[in-house]
C-alpha atoms as a PDB file:
ATOM      1  CA  MET A   1      52.426 -28.814   6.117  1.00  0.00           C
ATOM      2  CA  SER A   2      55.686 -27.024   5.378  1.00  0.00           C
ATOM      3  CA  THR A   3      58.789 -27.408   7.503  1.00  0.00           C
ATOM      4  CA  SER A   4      58.372 -23.939   9.003  1.00  0.00           C
ATOM      5  CA  GLU A   5      54.731 -24.706   9.869  1.00  0.00           C
ATOM      6  CA  VAL A   6      55.784 -27.926  11.611  1.00  0.00           C
ATOM      7  CA  VAL A   7      58.450 -26.080  13.601  1.00  0.00           C
ATOM      8  CA  THR A   8      55.951 -23.375  14.562  1.00  0.00           C
ATOM      9  CA  GLN A   9      53.431 -26.011  15.687  1.00  0.00           C
ATOM     10  CA  PHE A  10      56.148 -27.889  17.580  1.00  0.00           C
ATOM     11  CA  LEU A  11      57.279 -24.806  19.496  1.00  0.00           C
ATOM     12  CA  GLN A  12      53.700 -23.792  20.246  1.00  0.00           C
ATOM     13  CA  ARG A  13      52.877 -27.261  21.585  1.00  0.00           C
ATOM     14  CA  VAL A  14      56.055 -27.353  23.677  1.00  0.00           C
ATOM     15  CA  GLY A  15      55.053 -24.018  25.188  1.00  0.00           C
ATOM     16  CA  GLU A  16      51.589 -25.404  25.938  1.00  0.00           C
ATOM     17  CA  GLN A  17      53.098 -28.628  27.349  1.00  0.00           C
ATOM     18  CA  ASP A  18      50.905 -30.538  24.870  1.00  0.00           C
ATOM     19  CA  ALA A  19      52.823 -33.828  24.735  1.00  0.00           C
ATOM     20  CA  ASP A  20      50.133 -35.609  22.708  1.00  0.00           C
ATOM     21  CA  GLY A  21      50.046 -32.751  20.212  1.00  0.00           C
ATOM     22  CA  ILE A  22      53.829 -32.882  19.872  1.00  0.00           C
ATOM     23  CA  GLY A  23      53.633 -36.609  19.221  1.00  0.00           C
ATOM     24  CA  ASN A  24      51.139 -36.044  16.425  1.00  0.00           C
ATOM     25  CA  LEU A  25      53.771 -34.041  14.537  1.00  0.00           C
ATOM     26  CA  PHE A  26      55.986 -37.132  14.185  1.00  0.00           C
ATOM     27  CA  ALA A  27      55.792 -39.932  11.620  1.00  0.00           C
ATOM     28  CA  GLU A  28      54.457 -43.290  12.819  1.00  0.00           C
ATOM     29  CA  GLU A  29      57.947 -44.815  12.648  1.00  0.00           C
ATOM     30  CA  ILE A  30      60.929 -42.758  13.825  1.00  0.00           C
ATOM     31  CA  ASP A  31      64.639 -43.281  14.411  1.00  0.00           C
ATOM     32  CA  TRP A  32      65.442 -41.201  17.473  1.00  0.00           C
ATOM     33  CA  PHE A  33      68.373 -41.631  19.847  1.00  0.00           C
ATOM     34  CA  VAL A  34      69.091 -39.443  22.873  1.00  0.00           C
ATOM     35  CA  PRO A  35      72.561 -40.167  24.266  1.00  0.00           C
ATOM     36  CA  GLY A  36      73.268 -40.215  27.960  1.00  0.00           C
ATOM     37  CA  ASN A  37      73.224 -42.280  31.113  1.00  0.00           C
ATOM     38  CA  PRO A  38      70.724 -45.131  30.624  1.00  0.00           C
ATOM     39  CA  ARG A  39      69.406 -44.556  34.147  1.00  0.00           C
ATOM     40  CA  LEU A  40      67.934 -41.243  32.987  1.00  0.00           C
ATOM     41  CA  PRO A  41      64.424 -41.873  31.645  1.00  0.00           C
ATOM     42  CA  TRP A  42      64.686 -39.462  28.701  1.00  0.00           C
ATOM     43  CA  THR A  43      67.783 -41.087  27.174  1.00  0.00           C
ATOM     44  CA  GLY A  44      67.808 -44.024  24.798  1.00  0.00           C
ATOM     45  CA  THR A  45      66.201 -45.048  21.536  1.00  0.00           C
ATOM     46  CA  ARG A  46      62.661 -44.469  20.354  1.00  0.00           C
ATOM     47  CA  SER A  47      61.152 -45.933  17.216  1.00  0.00           C
ATOM     48  CA  LYS A  48      57.401 -45.227  17.327  1.00  0.00           C
ATOM     49  CA  ARG A  49      55.275 -42.078  17.415  1.00  0.00           C
ATOM     50  CA  ALA A  50      53.535 -43.403  20.541  1.00  0.00           C
ATOM     51  CA  GLU A  51      56.815 -43.050  22.477  1.00  0.00           C
ATOM     52  CA  VAL A  52      57.160 -39.316  21.797  1.00  0.00           C
ATOM     53  CA  PRO A  53      54.544 -37.982  24.257  1.00  0.00           C
ATOM     54  CA  THR A  54      56.063 -39.993  27.109  1.00  0.00           C
ATOM     55  CA  TYR A  55      59.468 -38.482  26.331  1.00  0.00           C
ATOM     56  CA  PHE A  56      58.123 -34.929  26.510  1.00  0.00           C
ATOM     57  CA  ARG A  57      56.128 -35.624  29.677  1.00  0.00           C
ATOM     58  CA  THR A  58      59.343 -36.928  31.288  1.00  0.00           C
ATOM     59  CA  MET A  59      61.234 -33.777  30.392  1.00  0.00           C
END
């Protein structure tokens, strides 16, 4: 899948609130950091694809 196809799929799945579908667009291992107050559930570090759907459900 090309970069533009991935972005299109990502935006479509965000619009559909398809957290599992969004997660499937990510590699198994990721290096993702969201800065902010650690008391906020969407901040912090994520390293696995399985963590992505939870992030988007929290948002």
